[in-house]
Amino acid sequence: METITIGDISKIIAFLVAFIGGVEYLYHRIKMLLKKALNDEFEPIRNEIKEVREENQNNELQMCMNYLVIAIEKAKRDKYMSDAEKKRFYEVLDVYTNKFHKNSYIHNEVIDLEKSNIL
């Protein structure tokens, strides 16, 4: 039977350490290259999603503004708003001011309606 020396064991351990280190390096390198390639491929999709989100936010803002303007004009004309109309008005106004951080002529109209006790 052949004898195994400490030198042989050291060579085997050194080989295993080098082999594992090489495999680990290749794993991280391949992972990095795949990640970069996937990011490059998905970038147009991310941009399109971003554009759609921005468009949806713009549409939501426009809908809020339209509702508020119509409700204000109706309240001025009728000199009255029901409790349900007031509640909905303030809900939309809350979105307009807190989500979109808008404060325009609508704010002045709201103050006028509150002073007139319509709101």
C-alpha atoms as a PDB file:
ATOM      1  CA  MET A   1       0.000   0.000   0.000  1.00  0.00           C
ATOM      2  CA  GLU A   2       1.204   3.413  -0.881  1.00  0.00           C
ATOM      3  CA  THR A   3       1.832   5.895   1.902  1.00  0.00           C
ATOM      4  CA  ILE A   4       0.349   9.373   1.865  1.00  0.00           C
ATOM      5  CA  THR A   5       2.599  12.057   3.201  1.00  0.00           C
ATOM      6  CA  ILE A   6       1.774  15.398   4.716  1.00  0.00           C
ATOM      7  CA  GLY A   7       3.128  17.004   1.562  1.00  0.00           C
ATOM      8  CA  ASP A   8       0.606  15.062  -0.545  1.00  0.00           C
ATOM      9  CA  ILE A   9      -2.235  16.163   1.730  1.00  0.00           C
ATOM     10  CA  SER A  10      -1.013  19.761   1.504  1.00  0.00           C
ATOM     11  CA  LYS A  11      -1.001  19.566  -2.307  1.00  0.00           C
ATOM     12  CA  ILE A  12      -4.533  18.169  -2.347  1.00  0.00           C
ATOM     13  CA  ILE A  13      -5.760  20.877   0.041  1.00  0.00           C
ATOM     14  CA  ALA A  14      -3.994  23.582  -1.991  1.00  0.00           C
ATOM     15  CA  PHE A  15      -5.571  22.209  -5.182  1.00  0.00           C
ATOM     16  CA  LEU A  16      -9.051  22.145  -3.608  1.00  0.00           C
ATOM     17  CA  VAL A  17      -8.695  25.689  -2.262  1.00  0.00           C
ATOM     18  CA  ALA A  18      -7.508  26.964  -5.655  1.00  0.00           C
ATOM     19  CA  PHE A  19     -10.254  25.028  -7.460  1.00  0.00           C
ATOM     20  CA  ILE A  20     -12.992  26.333  -5.139  1.00  0.00           C
ATOM     21  CA  GLY A  21     -11.600  29.864  -5.423  1.00  0.00           C
ATOM     22  CA  GLY A  22     -11.613  29.613  -9.214  1.00  0.00           C
ATOM     23  CA  VAL A  23     -15.161  28.281  -9.307  1.00  0.00           C
ATOM     24  CA  GLU A  24     -16.280  31.040  -6.939  1.00  0.00           C
ATOM     25  CA  TYR A  25     -14.599  33.696  -9.114  1.00  0.00           C
ATOM     26  CA  LEU A  26     -16.239  32.317 -12.254  1.00  0.00           C
ATOM     27  CA  TYR A  27     -19.622  32.177 -10.523  1.00  0.00           C
ATOM     28  CA  HIS A  28     -19.451  35.836  -9.470  1.00  0.00           C
ATOM     29  CA  ARG A  29     -18.107  36.934 -12.865  1.00  0.00           C
ATOM     30  CA  ILE A  30     -20.844  35.102 -14.784  1.00  0.00           C
ATOM     31  CA  LYS A  31     -23.458  36.405 -12.356  1.00  0.00           C
ATOM     32  CA  MET A  32     -22.244  39.978 -12.905  1.00  0.00           C
ATOM     33  CA  LEU A  33     -22.231  39.603 -16.706  1.00  0.00           C
ATOM     34  CA  LEU A  34     -25.746  38.106 -16.705  1.00  0.00           C
ATOM     35  CA  LYS A  35     -27.023  40.856 -14.450  1.00  0.00           C
ATOM     36  CA  LYS A  36     -25.579  43.528 -16.742  1.00  0.00           C
ATOM     37  CA  ALA A  37     -26.997  41.834 -19.829  1.00  0.00           C
ATOM     38  CA  LEU A  38     -30.447  41.501 -18.263  1.00  0.00           C
ATOM     39  CA  ASN A  39     -30.392  45.114 -17.075  1.00  0.00           C
ATOM     40  CA  ASP A  40     -29.533  46.246 -20.597  1.00  0.00           C
ATOM     41  CA  GLU A  41     -32.340  44.119 -22.054  1.00  0.00           C
ATOM     42  CA  PHE A  42     -34.930  45.287 -19.523  1.00  0.00           C
ATOM     43  CA  GLU A  43     -34.049  48.995 -19.655  1.00  0.00           C
ATOM     44  CA  PRO A  44     -36.496  49.794 -22.499  1.00  0.00           C
ATOM     45  CA  ILE A  45     -39.257  47.972 -20.611  1.00  0.00           C
ATOM     46  CA  ARG A  46     -38.476  49.913 -17.426  1.00  0.00           C
ATOM     47  CA  ASN A  47     -38.575  53.186 -19.372  1.00  0.00           C
ATOM     48  CA  GLU A  48     -41.923  52.283 -20.899  1.00  0.00           C
ATOM     49  CA  ILE A  49     -43.367  51.398 -17.488  1.00  0.00           C
ATOM     50  CA  LYS A  50     -42.096  54.703 -16.128  1.00  0.00           C
ATOM     51  CA  GLU A  51     -43.741  56.591 -19.001  1.00  0.00           C
ATOM     52  CA  VAL A  52     -47.047  54.784 -18.441  1.00  0.00           C
ATOM     53  CA  ARG A  53     -46.935  55.578 -14.713  1.00  0.00           C
ATOM     54  CA  GLU A  54     -46.258  59.242 -15.428  1.00  0.00           C
ATOM     55  CA  GLU A  55     -49.077  59.323 -17.966  1.00  0.00           C
ATOM     56  CA  ASN A  56     -51.459  57.699 -15.474  1.00  0.00           C
ATOM     57  CA  GLN A  57     -50.489  60.230 -12.821  1.00  0.00           C
ATOM     58  CA  ASN A  58     -51.063  63.071 -15.278  1.00  0.00           C
ATOM     59  CA  ASN A  59     -54.464  61.608 -16.163  1.00  0.00           C
ATOM     60  CA  GLU A  60     -55.372  61.279 -12.491  1.00  0.00           C
ATOM     61  CA  LEU A  61     -54.314  64.866 -11.842  1.00  0.00           C
ATOM     62  CA  GLN A  62     -56.385  66.082 -14.790  1.00  0.00           C
ATOM     63  CA  MET A  63     -59.400  64.120 -13.556  1.00  0.00           C
ATOM     64  CA  CYS A  64     -59.041  65.648 -10.088  1.00  0.00           C
ATOM     65  CA  MET A  65     -58.783  69.141 -11.515  1.00  0.00           C
ATOM     66  CA  ASN A  66     -61.757  68.603 -13.824  1.00  0.00           C
ATOM     67  CA  TYR A  67     -63.926  67.286 -10.997  1.00  0.00           C
ATOM     68  CA  LEU A  68     -62.949  70.134  -8.684  1.00  0.00           C
ATOM     69  CA  VAL A  69     -63.581  72.830 -11.288  1.00  0.00           C
ATOM     70  CA  ILE A  70     -66.964  71.346 -12.247  1.00  0.00           C
ATOM     71  CA  ALA A  71     -67.983  70.960  -8.593  1.00  0.00           C
ATOM     72  CA  ILE A  72     -66.892  74.510  -7.764  1.00  0.00           C
ATOM     73  CA  GLU A  73     -68.797  75.977 -10.699  1.00  0.00           C
ATOM     74  CA  LYS A  74     -71.913  73.953  -9.818  1.00  0.00           C
ATOM     75  CA  ALA A  75     -71.698  75.062  -6.189  1.00  0.00           C
ATOM     76  CA  LYS A  76     -71.311  78.714  -7.218  1.00  0.00           C
ATOM     77  CA  ARG A  77     -74.259  78.446  -9.560  1.00  0.00           C
ATOM     78  CA  ASP A  78     -76.576  76.514  -7.188  1.00  0.00           C
ATOM     79  CA  LYS A  79     -75.280  78.155  -3.983  1.00  0.00           C
ATOM     80  CA  TYR A  80     -75.576  74.687  -2.419  1.00  0.00           C
ATOM     81  CA  MET A  81     -73.724  71.371  -2.016  1.00  0.00           C
ATOM     82  CA  SER A  82     -75.213  68.269  -0.411  1.00  0.00           C
ATOM     83  CA  ASP A  83     -73.300  66.506   2.352  1.00  0.00           C
ATOM     84  CA  ALA A  84     -72.354  63.683  -0.034  1.00  0.00           C
ATOM     85  CA  GLU A  85     -71.083  66.208  -2.604  1.00  0.00           C
ATOM     86  CA  LYS A  86     -69.067  68.000   0.077  1.00  0.00           C
ATOM     87  CA  LYS A  87     -67.546  64.730   1.305  1.00  0.00           C
ATOM     88  CA  ARG A  88     -66.540  63.690  -2.212  1.00  0.00           C
ATOM     89  CA  PHE A  89     -65.281  67.187  -2.968  1.00  0.00           C
ATOM     90  CA  TYR A  90     -62.974  67.141   0.053  1.00  0.00           C
ATOM     91  CA  GLU A  91     -61.758  63.627  -0.790  1.00  0.00           C
ATOM     92  CA  VAL A  92     -60.727  64.730  -4.271  1.00  0.00           C
ATOM     93  CA  LEU A  93     -59.305  67.986  -2.926  1.00  0.00           C
ATOM     94  CA  ASP A  94     -57.210  65.950  -0.478  1.00  0.00           C
ATOM     95  CA  VAL A  95     -55.753  63.893  -3.335  1.00  0.00           C
ATOM     96  CA  TYR A  96     -55.155  67.067  -5.350  1.00  0.00           C
ATOM     97  CA  THR A  97     -53.307  68.839  -2.552  1.00  0.00           C
ATOM     98  CA  ASN A  98     -51.558  65.954  -0.747  1.00  0.00           C
ATOM     99  CA  LYS A  99     -50.732  63.459  -3.499  1.00  0.00           C
ATOM    100  CA  PHE A 100     -49.987  65.930  -6.260  1.00  0.00           C
ATOM    101  CA  HIS A 101     -48.971  68.818  -3.996  1.00  0.00           C
ATOM    102  CA  LYS A 102     -50.979  71.291  -6.033  1.00  0.00           C
ATOM    103  CA  ASN A 103     -52.250  74.604  -4.738  1.00  0.00           C
ATOM    104  CA  SER A 104     -53.647  76.758  -7.498  1.00  0.00           C
ATOM    105  CA  TYR A 105     -56.670  78.873  -8.299  1.00  0.00           C
ATOM    106  CA  ILE A 106     -58.746  75.951  -7.011  1.00  0.00           C
ATOM    107  CA  HIS A 107     -57.497  76.711  -3.494  1.00  0.00           C
ATOM    108  CA  ASN A 108     -58.730  80.289  -3.765  1.00  0.00           C
ATOM    109  CA  GLU A 109     -62.120  79.096  -5.029  1.00  0.00           C
ATOM    110  CA  VAL A 110     -62.406  76.681  -2.093  1.00  0.00           C
ATOM    111  CA  ILE A 111     -61.687  79.501   0.348  1.00  0.00           C
ATOM    112  CA  ASP A 112     -64.379  81.624  -1.298  1.00  0.00           C
ATOM    113  CA  LEU A 113     -66.919  78.776  -1.098  1.00  0.00           C
ATOM    114  CA  GLU A 114     -66.054  78.153   2.541  1.00  0.00           C
ATOM    115  CA  LYS A 115     -66.534  81.856   3.322  1.00  0.00           C
ATOM    116  CA  SER A 116     -69.926  81.713   1.575  1.00  0.00           C
ATOM    117  CA  ASN A 117     -70.866  78.684   3.742  1.00  0.00           C
ATOM    118  CA  ILE A 118     -71.460  76.576   0.640  1.00  0.00           C
ATOM    119  CA  LEU A 119     -68.687  74.200   1.629  1.00  0.00           C
END
